[in-house]
């Protein structure tokens, strides 16, 4: 069975957005960018909330991004390769290939995706990830902790529930970013 992995960038105080909704506090350097690209290569399906999907879709819809460097071209290719499922009640249509729009998160359907997938799945977007955590579907968390404290905003991890984790791996980058890989216990 494939794993469902929650991947996100968080501030040191645990937020994915600050109080104004901004999330571009600390652009990754080439080392973090290449590491993230390698992580995407193992993914067969991305599960996205609307807002994150719209932010990431530019890696397919804006060809100028890929043309900026070999690193961005590699990332664009790695992002475009997996299937995508977007969960939204407000999005009219998707703008990328191999992408399906779902109006609601169905834990049984995601469990079936995990059971039949040949590659791991990721879940992105804090609200969607919270639904997956509450349904007991998340197998791993991969957090990129950025060296910034934003003081408030949207939490990167579920609130109002306990999730026990086991640290599997860590990596420190020269720019101060730390990647933490956890297994969700009780899975």
N, C-alpha and C. Protein backbone atom coordinates (compact mmCIF):
# COMPACT_ATOMS: atom_id res chain seq x y z
N UNK A 1 0.85 -1.18 0.00
CA UNK A 1 0.00 0.00 0.00
C UNK A 1 0.89 1.24 0.00
N UNK A 2 0.50 2.22 -0.77
CA UNK A 2 1.24 3.48 -0.84
C UNK A 2 1.01 4.28 0.44
N UNK A 3 1.95 5.16 0.73
CA UNK A 3 1.82 6.04 1.90
C UNK A 3 1.20 7.37 1.47
N UNK A 4 0.47 7.98 2.39
CA UNK A 4 0.00 9.35 2.22
C UNK A 4 0.90 10.22 3.09
N UNK A 5 1.58 11.16 2.45
CA UNK A 5 2.59 11.99 3.10
C UNK A 5 2.15 13.44 3.08
N UNK A 6 2.15 14.06 4.24
CA UNK A 6 1.87 15.49 4.33
C UNK A 6 3.19 16.23 4.20
N UNK A 7 3.29 17.07 3.18
CA UNK A 7 4.50 17.86 2.93
C UNK A 7 4.11 19.32 3.00
N UNK A 8 4.86 20.09 3.82
CA UNK A 8 4.57 21.51 3.90
C UNK A 8 5.78 22.29 4.39
N UNK A 9 5.79 23.57 4.10
CA UNK A 9 6.74 24.52 4.67
C UNK A 9 6.05 25.18 5.85
N UNK A 10 6.77 25.30 6.97
CA UNK A 10 6.22 25.97 8.14
C UNK A 10 7.25 26.92 8.73
N UNK A 11 6.74 27.98 9.33
CA UNK A 11 7.62 28.87 10.08
C UNK A 11 8.07 28.14 11.34
N UNK A 12 9.08 28.66 12.00
CA UNK A 12 9.57 28.04 13.23
C UNK A 12 8.47 27.95 14.29
N UNK A 13 7.53 28.90 14.27
CA UNK A 13 6.43 28.85 15.23
C UNK A 13 5.21 28.09 14.69
N UNK A 14 5.38 27.36 13.57
CA UNK A 14 4.38 26.39 13.14
C UNK A 14 3.31 26.85 12.17
N UNK A 15 3.51 27.98 11.49
CA UNK A 15 2.48 28.49 10.59
C UNK A 15 2.87 28.32 9.13
N UNK A 16 1.86 28.05 8.29
CA UNK A 16 2.11 27.98 6.85
C UNK A 16 1.77 29.30 6.16
N UNK A 17 1.01 30.14 6.83
CA UNK A 17 0.68 31.49 6.37
C UNK A 17 0.76 32.41 7.57
N UNK A 18 1.12 33.67 7.31
CA UNK A 18 1.07 34.62 8.41
C UNK A 18 -0.36 35.16 8.53
N UNK A 19 -0.57 36.12 9.43
CA UNK A 19 -1.92 36.62 9.69
C UNK A 19 -2.56 37.31 8.48
N UNK A 20 -1.74 37.77 7.54
CA UNK A 20 -2.29 38.42 6.33
C UNK A 20 -2.51 37.42 5.20
N UNK A 21 -2.19 36.14 5.42
CA UNK A 21 -2.37 35.12 4.39
C UNK A 21 -1.13 34.92 3.53
N UNK A 22 -0.06 35.65 3.80
CA UNK A 22 1.17 35.51 3.02
C UNK A 22 1.93 34.26 3.44
N UNK A 23 2.65 33.65 2.49
CA UNK A 23 3.44 32.47 2.80
C UNK A 23 4.81 32.48 2.14
N UNK A 24 5.18 33.55 1.53
CA UNK A 24 6.47 33.64 0.83
C UNK A 24 7.48 34.42 1.67
N UNK A 25 7.75 33.91 2.87
CA UNK A 25 8.64 34.64 3.77
C UNK A 25 10.09 34.32 3.53
N UNK A 26 10.38 33.20 2.91
CA UNK A 26 11.76 32.75 2.88
C UNK A 26 11.96 31.88 1.65
N UNK A 27 12.34 32.46 0.54
CA UNK A 27 12.48 31.64 -0.67
C UNK A 27 13.61 30.61 -0.50
N UNK A 28 13.39 29.38 -0.96
CA UNK A 28 14.42 28.35 -0.81
C UNK A 28 15.62 28.63 -1.71
N UNK A 29 16.75 28.17 -1.26
CA UNK A 29 17.94 28.28 -2.11
C UNK A 29 18.01 27.04 -3.00
N UNK A 30 19.05 26.96 -3.82
CA UNK A 30 19.16 25.86 -4.77
C UNK A 30 19.22 24.50 -4.09
N UNK A 31 19.87 24.42 -2.93
CA UNK A 31 20.00 23.16 -2.22
C UNK A 31 18.63 22.64 -1.76
N UNK A 32 17.81 23.51 -1.18
CA UNK A 32 16.47 23.13 -0.74
C UNK A 32 15.59 22.81 -1.94
N UNK A 33 15.73 23.61 -2.99
CA UNK A 33 14.93 23.42 -4.19
C UNK A 33 15.21 22.05 -4.82
N UNK A 34 16.48 21.68 -4.93
CA UNK A 34 16.85 20.39 -5.50
C UNK A 34 16.36 19.24 -4.62
N UNK A 35 16.46 19.40 -3.30
CA UNK A 35 15.98 18.37 -2.38
C UNK A 35 14.48 18.18 -2.53
N UNK A 36 13.75 19.27 -2.62
CA UNK A 36 12.29 19.20 -2.80
C UNK A 36 11.94 18.52 -4.12
N UNK A 37 12.67 18.84 -5.16
CA UNK A 37 12.44 18.21 -6.47
C UNK A 37 12.64 16.70 -6.37
N UNK A 38 13.69 16.27 -5.70
CA UNK A 38 13.94 14.83 -5.53
C UNK A 38 12.80 14.17 -4.76
N UNK A 39 12.27 14.86 -3.76
CA UNK A 39 11.15 14.33 -2.99
C UNK A 39 9.93 14.11 -3.90
N UNK A 40 9.68 15.06 -4.80
CA UNK A 40 8.51 14.96 -5.68
C UNK A 40 8.61 13.77 -6.65
N UNK A 41 9.82 13.38 -7.01
CA UNK A 41 9.99 12.27 -7.97
C UNK A 41 9.38 10.95 -7.49
N UNK A 42 9.25 10.77 -6.18
CA UNK A 42 8.71 9.51 -5.65
C UNK A 42 7.19 9.53 -5.54
N UNK A 43 6.58 10.64 -5.90
CA UNK A 43 5.13 10.82 -5.72
C UNK A 43 4.38 10.47 -7.00
N UNK A 44 3.29 9.73 -6.84
CA UNK A 44 2.45 9.38 -7.98
C UNK A 44 1.19 10.23 -8.08
N UNK A 45 0.74 10.77 -6.93
CA UNK A 45 -0.47 11.59 -6.90
C UNK A 45 -0.34 12.67 -5.84
N UNK A 46 -0.72 13.89 -6.23
CA UNK A 46 -0.81 15.01 -5.29
C UNK A 46 -2.28 15.22 -4.95
N UNK A 47 -2.59 15.33 -3.67
CA UNK A 47 -3.92 15.73 -3.22
C UNK A 47 -3.80 17.16 -2.73
N UNK A 48 -4.56 18.08 -3.32
CA UNK A 48 -4.42 19.50 -3.03
C UNK A 48 -5.74 20.14 -2.64
N UNK A 49 -5.65 21.10 -1.75
CA UNK A 49 -6.73 22.05 -1.57
C UNK A 49 -6.65 23.08 -2.70
N UNK A 50 -7.70 23.85 -2.88
CA UNK A 50 -7.77 24.80 -4.00
C UNK A 50 -6.63 25.81 -3.99
N UNK A 51 -6.40 26.42 -2.87
CA UNK A 51 -5.42 27.52 -2.84
C UNK A 51 -4.01 27.04 -3.17
N UNK A 52 -3.60 25.92 -2.60
CA UNK A 52 -2.27 25.40 -2.91
C UNK A 52 -2.19 24.94 -4.36
N UNK A 53 -3.25 24.31 -4.86
CA UNK A 53 -3.26 23.91 -6.27
C UNK A 53 -3.06 25.11 -7.18
N UNK A 54 -3.79 26.18 -6.91
CA UNK A 54 -3.66 27.36 -7.76
C UNK A 54 -2.25 27.95 -7.70
N UNK A 55 -1.63 27.89 -6.53
CA UNK A 55 -0.26 28.39 -6.40
C UNK A 55 0.73 27.50 -7.15
N UNK A 56 0.51 26.19 -7.15
CA UNK A 56 1.44 25.26 -7.77
C UNK A 56 1.19 25.05 -9.26
N UNK A 57 -0.02 25.26 -9.73
CA UNK A 57 -0.35 25.00 -11.13
C UNK A 57 0.52 25.80 -12.10
N UNK A 58 1.08 26.91 -11.65
CA UNK A 58 1.93 27.71 -12.53
C UNK A 58 3.13 26.92 -13.03
N UNK A 59 3.50 25.85 -12.32
CA UNK A 59 4.62 25.03 -12.78
C UNK A 59 4.29 24.26 -14.05
N UNK A 60 3.03 24.29 -14.45
CA UNK A 60 2.63 23.72 -15.73
C UNK A 60 2.10 24.79 -16.67
N UNK A 61 1.40 25.76 -16.13
CA UNK A 61 0.73 26.75 -16.99
C UNK A 61 1.62 27.93 -17.38
N UNK A 62 2.71 28.18 -16.66
CA UNK A 62 3.62 29.29 -16.96
C UNK A 62 4.97 28.72 -17.39
N UNK A 63 5.14 28.54 -18.68
CA UNK A 63 6.37 27.91 -19.19
C UNK A 63 7.62 28.75 -18.92
N UNK A 64 7.45 30.02 -18.65
CA UNK A 64 8.61 30.87 -18.35
C UNK A 64 9.29 30.45 -17.05
N UNK A 65 8.54 29.88 -16.11
CA UNK A 65 9.14 29.41 -14.85
C UNK A 65 10.17 28.32 -15.11
N UNK A 66 9.79 27.34 -15.89
CA UNK A 66 10.70 26.23 -16.18
C UNK A 66 11.91 26.70 -16.97
N UNK A 67 11.75 27.74 -17.75
CA UNK A 67 12.84 28.23 -18.59
C UNK A 67 13.88 29.03 -17.82
N UNK A 68 13.65 29.31 -16.54
CA UNK A 68 14.57 30.15 -15.77
C UNK A 68 15.92 29.48 -15.51
N UNK A 69 15.92 28.16 -15.30
CA UNK A 69 17.18 27.47 -15.01
C UNK A 69 16.97 25.96 -15.15
N UNK A 70 18.05 25.22 -15.09
CA UNK A 70 17.93 23.76 -15.10
C UNK A 70 17.18 23.27 -13.87
N UNK A 71 17.40 23.92 -12.72
CA UNK A 71 16.70 23.54 -11.49
C UNK A 71 15.20 23.73 -11.60
N UNK A 72 14.77 24.86 -12.14
CA UNK A 72 13.33 25.10 -12.26
C UNK A 72 12.72 24.20 -13.32
N UNK A 73 13.46 23.91 -14.38
CA UNK A 73 12.95 22.98 -15.40
C UNK A 73 12.76 21.59 -14.81
N UNK A 74 13.72 21.17 -14.00
CA UNK A 74 13.65 19.86 -13.34
C UNK A 74 12.46 19.81 -12.39
N UNK A 75 12.26 20.88 -11.60
CA UNK A 75 11.13 20.93 -10.68
C UNK A 75 9.81 20.89 -11.45
N UNK A 76 9.70 21.68 -12.51
CA UNK A 76 8.46 21.71 -13.30
C UNK A 76 8.13 20.32 -13.83
N UNK A 77 9.14 19.63 -14.34
CA UNK A 77 8.92 18.27 -14.85
C UNK A 77 8.47 17.33 -13.73
N UNK A 78 9.14 17.41 -12.57
CA UNK A 78 8.79 16.55 -11.43
C UNK A 78 7.38 16.87 -10.93
N UNK A 79 6.96 18.14 -10.98
CA UNK A 79 5.63 18.51 -10.51
C UNK A 79 4.55 18.08 -11.50
N UNK A 80 4.85 18.17 -12.78
CA UNK A 80 3.84 17.84 -13.80
C UNK A 80 3.58 16.34 -13.91
N UNK A 81 4.56 15.50 -13.58
CA UNK A 81 4.46 14.06 -13.81
C UNK A 81 3.34 13.38 -13.01
N UNK A 82 3.15 13.66 -11.73
CA UNK A 82 2.10 12.95 -10.98
C UNK A 82 0.68 13.38 -11.36
N UNK A 83 -0.26 12.51 -11.05
CA UNK A 83 -1.68 12.87 -11.14
C UNK A 83 -1.98 13.84 -10.01
N UNK A 84 -3.06 14.60 -10.18
CA UNK A 84 -3.46 15.55 -9.15
C UNK A 84 -4.95 15.42 -8.90
N UNK A 85 -5.32 15.52 -7.62
CA UNK A 85 -6.73 15.58 -7.24
C UNK A 85 -6.88 16.87 -6.44
N UNK A 86 -7.78 17.73 -6.88
CA UNK A 86 -8.01 19.01 -6.23
C UNK A 86 -9.38 18.97 -5.56
N UNK A 87 -9.40 19.32 -4.27
CA UNK A 87 -10.64 19.33 -3.50
C UNK A 87 -11.08 20.77 -3.33
N UNK A 88 -12.22 21.12 -3.93
CA UNK A 88 -12.71 22.48 -3.84
C UNK A 88 -14.20 22.53 -4.13
N UNK A 89 -14.89 23.35 -3.38
CA UNK A 89 -16.31 23.60 -3.66
C UNK A 89 -16.47 24.85 -4.51
N UNK A 90 -15.40 25.61 -4.71
CA UNK A 90 -15.51 26.89 -5.41
C UNK A 90 -14.79 26.93 -6.76
N UNK A 91 -13.83 26.06 -6.98
CA UNK A 91 -13.08 26.08 -8.24
C UNK A 91 -13.96 25.58 -9.37
N UNK A 92 -14.03 26.35 -10.45
CA UNK A 92 -14.89 25.98 -11.57
C UNK A 92 -14.28 24.87 -12.42
N UNK A 93 -12.97 24.92 -12.64
CA UNK A 93 -12.30 23.93 -13.48
C UNK A 93 -10.82 23.91 -13.13
N UNK A 94 -10.15 22.83 -13.50
CA UNK A 94 -8.71 22.72 -13.28
C UNK A 94 -7.99 23.15 -14.56
N UNK A 95 -6.75 23.63 -14.39
CA UNK A 95 -6.00 24.18 -15.53
C UNK A 95 -4.81 23.33 -15.93
N UNK A 96 -4.65 22.16 -15.30
CA UNK A 96 -3.49 21.32 -15.58
C UNK A 96 -3.92 19.93 -16.05
N UNK A 97 -3.01 19.28 -16.76
CA UNK A 97 -3.27 17.94 -17.28
C UNK A 97 -3.30 16.92 -16.14
N UNK A 98 -3.94 15.79 -16.39
CA UNK A 98 -4.00 14.68 -15.44
C UNK A 98 -4.43 15.14 -14.05
N UNK A 99 -5.46 16.01 -14.03
CA UNK A 99 -5.95 16.59 -12.79
C UNK A 99 -7.45 16.39 -12.71
N UNK A 100 -7.90 15.94 -11.55
CA UNK A 100 -9.33 15.69 -11.32
C UNK A 100 -9.81 16.62 -10.21
N UNK A 101 -10.99 17.18 -10.38
CA UNK A 101 -11.61 18.06 -9.39
C UNK A 101 -12.66 17.28 -8.60
N UNK A 102 -12.52 17.32 -7.28
CA UNK A 102 -13.50 16.69 -6.39
C UNK A 102 -14.12 17.78 -5.52
N UNK A 103 -15.41 17.69 -5.29
CA UNK A 103 -16.12 18.70 -4.51
C UNK A 103 -16.02 18.49 -3.01
N UNK A 104 -15.71 17.25 -2.58
CA UNK A 104 -15.58 17.01 -1.15
C UNK A 104 -14.52 15.94 -0.92
N UNK A 105 -13.92 16.00 0.26
CA UNK A 105 -12.92 15.03 0.65
C UNK A 105 -13.63 13.77 1.12
N UNK A 106 -13.34 12.65 0.47
CA UNK A 106 -13.96 11.37 0.81
C UNK A 106 -12.87 10.44 1.33
N UNK A 107 -12.81 10.23 2.65
CA UNK A 107 -11.75 9.38 3.20
C UNK A 107 -11.70 7.97 2.60
N UNK A 108 -12.85 7.39 2.32
CA UNK A 108 -12.87 6.04 1.73
C UNK A 108 -12.24 6.03 0.34
N UNK A 109 -12.49 7.07 -0.44
CA UNK A 109 -11.90 7.16 -1.77
C UNK A 109 -10.38 7.33 -1.69
N UNK A 110 -9.92 8.11 -0.71
CA UNK A 110 -8.47 8.30 -0.53
C UNK A 110 -7.84 6.99 -0.06
N UNK A 111 -8.51 6.28 0.83
CA UNK A 111 -8.00 4.98 1.27
C UNK A 111 -7.88 4.03 0.08
N UNK A 112 -8.83 4.06 -0.80
CA UNK A 112 -8.79 3.23 -2.01
C UNK A 112 -7.63 3.65 -2.92
N UNK A 113 -7.40 4.95 -3.05
CA UNK A 113 -6.25 5.44 -3.82
C UNK A 113 -4.95 4.90 -3.24
N UNK A 114 -4.82 4.95 -1.91
CA UNK A 114 -3.62 4.43 -1.26
C UNK A 114 -3.45 2.94 -1.52
N UNK A 115 -4.54 2.21 -1.48
CA UNK A 115 -4.49 0.76 -1.63
C UNK A 115 -4.12 0.34 -3.05
N UNK A 116 -4.45 1.15 -4.03
CA UNK A 116 -4.23 0.76 -5.41
C UNK A 116 -3.05 1.48 -6.07
N UNK A 117 -2.49 2.48 -5.41
CA UNK A 117 -1.39 3.26 -5.99
C UNK A 117 -0.09 2.48 -6.01
N UNK A 118 0.71 2.73 -7.01
CA UNK A 118 2.03 2.11 -7.10
C UNK A 118 3.12 3.04 -6.59
N UNK A 119 2.77 4.30 -6.35
CA UNK A 119 3.70 5.29 -5.79
C UNK A 119 2.99 6.04 -4.67
N UNK A 120 3.77 6.66 -3.80
CA UNK A 120 3.20 7.40 -2.68
C UNK A 120 2.37 8.59 -3.15
N UNK A 121 1.51 9.05 -2.24
CA UNK A 121 0.67 10.22 -2.47
C UNK A 121 1.10 11.29 -1.47
N UNK A 122 0.93 12.55 -1.85
CA UNK A 122 1.12 13.63 -0.89
C UNK A 122 -0.19 14.38 -0.73
N UNK A 123 -0.35 14.96 0.44
CA UNK A 123 -1.48 15.84 0.69
C UNK A 123 -0.91 17.21 1.00
N UNK A 124 -1.47 18.24 0.38
CA UNK A 124 -0.99 19.59 0.58
C UNK A 124 -2.12 20.55 0.83
N UNK A 125 -1.85 21.50 1.70
CA UNK A 125 -2.87 22.44 2.15
C UNK A 125 -3.28 22.04 3.55
N UNK A 126 -3.16 22.96 4.49
CA UNK A 126 -3.40 22.64 5.90
C UNK A 126 -4.82 22.14 6.17
N UNK A 127 -5.81 22.74 5.54
CA UNK A 127 -7.18 22.33 5.80
C UNK A 127 -7.43 20.90 5.29
N UNK A 128 -6.96 20.62 4.09
CA UNK A 128 -7.11 19.28 3.53
C UNK A 128 -6.31 18.27 4.35
N UNK A 129 -5.10 18.63 4.74
CA UNK A 129 -4.29 17.73 5.56
C UNK A 129 -4.97 17.43 6.89
N UNK A 130 -5.60 18.43 7.49
CA UNK A 130 -6.31 18.21 8.75
C UNK A 130 -7.41 17.17 8.56
N UNK A 131 -8.14 17.25 7.47
CA UNK A 131 -9.18 16.25 7.19
C UNK A 131 -8.56 14.86 7.06
N UNK A 132 -7.41 14.77 6.39
CA UNK A 132 -6.73 13.48 6.22
C UNK A 132 -6.21 12.96 7.55
N UNK A 133 -5.67 13.84 8.40
CA UNK A 133 -5.23 13.43 9.73
C UNK A 133 -6.40 12.91 10.54
N UNK A 134 -7.50 13.64 10.54
CA UNK A 134 -8.68 13.24 11.33
C UNK A 134 -9.25 11.91 10.87
N UNK A 135 -9.09 11.60 9.57
CA UNK A 135 -9.56 10.33 9.03
C UNK A 135 -8.55 9.21 9.24
N UNK A 136 -7.39 9.52 9.83
CA UNK A 136 -6.37 8.51 10.07
C UNK A 136 -5.65 8.04 8.82
N UNK A 137 -5.56 8.89 7.82
CA UNK A 137 -4.98 8.50 6.54
C UNK A 137 -3.51 8.88 6.36
N UNK A 138 -3.01 9.82 7.14
CA UNK A 138 -1.65 10.32 6.95
C UNK A 138 -0.66 9.35 7.58
N UNK A 139 0.32 8.93 6.79
CA UNK A 139 1.34 7.98 7.23
C UNK A 139 2.64 8.67 7.63
N UNK A 140 2.96 9.78 6.97
CA UNK A 140 4.20 10.51 7.24
C UNK A 140 3.96 12.01 7.14
N UNK A 141 4.80 12.76 7.85
CA UNK A 141 4.85 14.22 7.73
C UNK A 141 6.26 14.58 7.31
N UNK A 142 6.37 15.46 6.36
CA UNK A 142 7.66 16.00 5.94
C UNK A 142 7.54 17.51 6.03
N UNK A 143 8.19 18.05 7.04
CA UNK A 143 8.10 19.48 7.31
C UNK A 143 9.41 20.16 6.94
N UNK A 144 9.30 21.22 6.19
CA UNK A 144 10.43 22.10 5.93
C UNK A 144 10.25 23.28 6.86
N UNK A 145 11.04 23.33 7.92
CA UNK A 145 10.91 24.37 8.93
C UNK A 145 11.82 25.53 8.54
N UNK A 146 11.20 26.70 8.34
CA UNK A 146 11.92 27.88 7.88
C UNK A 146 12.36 28.72 9.07
N UNK A 147 13.54 29.31 9.00
CA UNK A 147 14.06 30.08 10.13
C UNK A 147 13.44 31.47 10.22
N UNK A 148 12.15 31.49 10.51
CA UNK A 148 11.42 32.74 10.67
C UNK A 148 10.27 32.50 11.65
N UNK A 149 9.99 33.46 12.49
CA UNK A 149 8.84 33.43 13.39
C UNK A 149 7.87 34.47 12.87
N UNK A 150 6.64 34.06 12.53
CA UNK A 150 5.67 35.00 11.96
C UNK A 150 4.64 35.48 12.97
N UNK A 151 4.53 34.82 14.12
CA UNK A 151 3.70 35.33 15.20
C UNK A 151 2.23 35.02 15.14
N UNK A 152 1.78 34.31 14.13
CA UNK A 152 0.37 33.96 14.03
C UNK A 152 0.00 33.71 12.59
N UNK A 153 -1.18 33.16 12.39
CA UNK A 153 -1.65 32.86 11.04
C UNK A 153 -2.33 31.52 10.99
N UNK A 154 -2.15 30.80 9.89
CA UNK A 154 -2.76 29.49 9.70
C UNK A 154 -1.78 28.41 10.16
N UNK A 155 -2.18 27.59 11.16
CA UNK A 155 -1.29 26.54 11.64
C UNK A 155 -1.00 25.51 10.55
N UNK A 156 0.21 25.03 10.53
CA UNK A 156 0.61 24.03 9.54
C UNK A 156 0.20 22.62 9.91
N UNK A 157 -0.08 22.40 11.19
CA UNK A 157 -0.48 21.07 11.66
C UNK A 157 -1.86 21.16 12.31
N UNK A 158 -2.57 20.03 12.36
CA UNK A 158 -3.93 20.06 12.90
C UNK A 158 -3.96 20.55 14.34
N UNK A 159 -5.00 21.28 14.67
CA UNK A 159 -5.23 21.70 16.05
C UNK A 159 -6.42 20.90 16.58
N UNK A 160 -6.49 20.79 17.91
CA UNK A 160 -7.62 20.11 18.51
C UNK A 160 -7.55 18.60 18.46
N UNK A 161 -6.39 18.06 18.11
CA UNK A 161 -6.24 16.61 18.10
C UNK A 161 -4.78 16.27 18.40
N UNK A 162 -4.56 15.11 18.94
CA UNK A 162 -3.20 14.65 19.21
C UNK A 162 -2.76 13.70 18.10
N UNK A 163 -1.52 13.88 17.65
CA UNK A 163 -0.92 12.99 16.67
C UNK A 163 0.49 12.67 17.18
N UNK A 164 0.76 11.41 17.48
CA UNK A 164 2.09 11.01 17.92
C UNK A 164 2.94 10.68 16.70
N UNK A 165 4.19 11.14 16.76
CA UNK A 165 5.09 11.00 15.62
C UNK A 165 6.41 10.39 16.06
N UNK A 166 7.07 9.72 15.12
CA UNK A 166 8.41 9.20 15.33
C UNK A 166 9.32 9.83 14.28
N UNK A 167 10.39 10.46 14.74
CA UNK A 167 11.35 11.08 13.83
C UNK A 167 12.10 10.00 13.06
N UNK A 168 12.01 10.07 11.72
CA UNK A 168 12.70 9.10 10.86
C UNK A 168 13.99 9.66 10.28
N UNK A 169 13.99 10.98 10.03
CA UNK A 169 15.14 11.58 9.37
C UNK A 169 15.09 13.08 9.55
N UNK A 170 16.25 13.69 9.45
CA UNK A 170 16.33 15.14 9.50
C UNK A 170 17.47 15.58 8.59
N UNK A 171 17.35 16.78 8.08
CA UNK A 171 18.42 17.35 7.27
C UNK A 171 18.44 18.86 7.47
N UNK A 172 19.62 19.36 7.74
CA UNK A 172 19.81 20.80 7.88
C UNK A 172 20.43 21.33 6.61
N UNK A 173 19.92 22.47 6.16
CA UNK A 173 20.43 23.12 4.96
C UNK A 173 21.23 24.36 5.35
N UNK A 174 22.12 24.76 4.47
CA UNK A 174 23.00 25.91 4.74
C UNK A 174 22.23 27.20 5.02
N UNK A 175 21.04 27.34 4.44
CA UNK A 175 20.27 28.59 4.61
C UNK A 175 19.44 28.60 5.89
N UNK A 176 19.58 27.57 6.72
CA UNK A 176 18.86 27.54 7.99
C UNK A 176 17.58 26.73 7.97
N UNK A 177 17.13 26.29 6.81
CA UNK A 177 15.95 25.44 6.71
C UNK A 177 16.30 24.05 7.25
N UNK A 178 15.35 23.44 7.95
CA UNK A 178 15.51 22.08 8.45
C UNK A 178 14.36 21.23 7.90
N UNK A 179 14.70 20.10 7.31
CA UNK A 179 13.68 19.15 6.85
C UNK A 179 13.55 18.07 7.91
N UNK A 180 12.33 17.84 8.37
CA UNK A 180 12.04 16.82 9.36
C UNK A 180 11.07 15.81 8.77
N UNK A 181 11.43 14.55 8.84
CA UNK A 181 10.57 13.48 8.32
C UNK A 181 10.10 12.63 9.50
N UNK A 182 8.79 12.56 9.67
CA UNK A 182 8.17 11.83 10.78
C UNK A 182 7.24 10.74 10.25
N UNK A 183 7.20 9.64 10.97
CA UNK A 183 6.17 8.62 10.74
C UNK A 183 5.06 8.87 11.74
N UNK A 184 3.83 8.77 11.28
CA UNK A 184 2.67 8.90 12.16
C UNK A 184 2.50 7.57 12.89
N UNK A 185 2.54 7.61 14.19
CA UNK A 185 2.40 6.38 14.98
C UNK A 185 0.94 5.98 15.07
N UNK A 186 0.73 4.68 15.26
CA UNK A 186 -0.62 4.18 15.33
C UNK A 186 -1.20 3.89 13.95
N UNK A 187 -0.37 3.94 12.94
CA UNK A 187 -0.81 3.65 11.57
C UNK A 187 -0.45 2.24 11.21
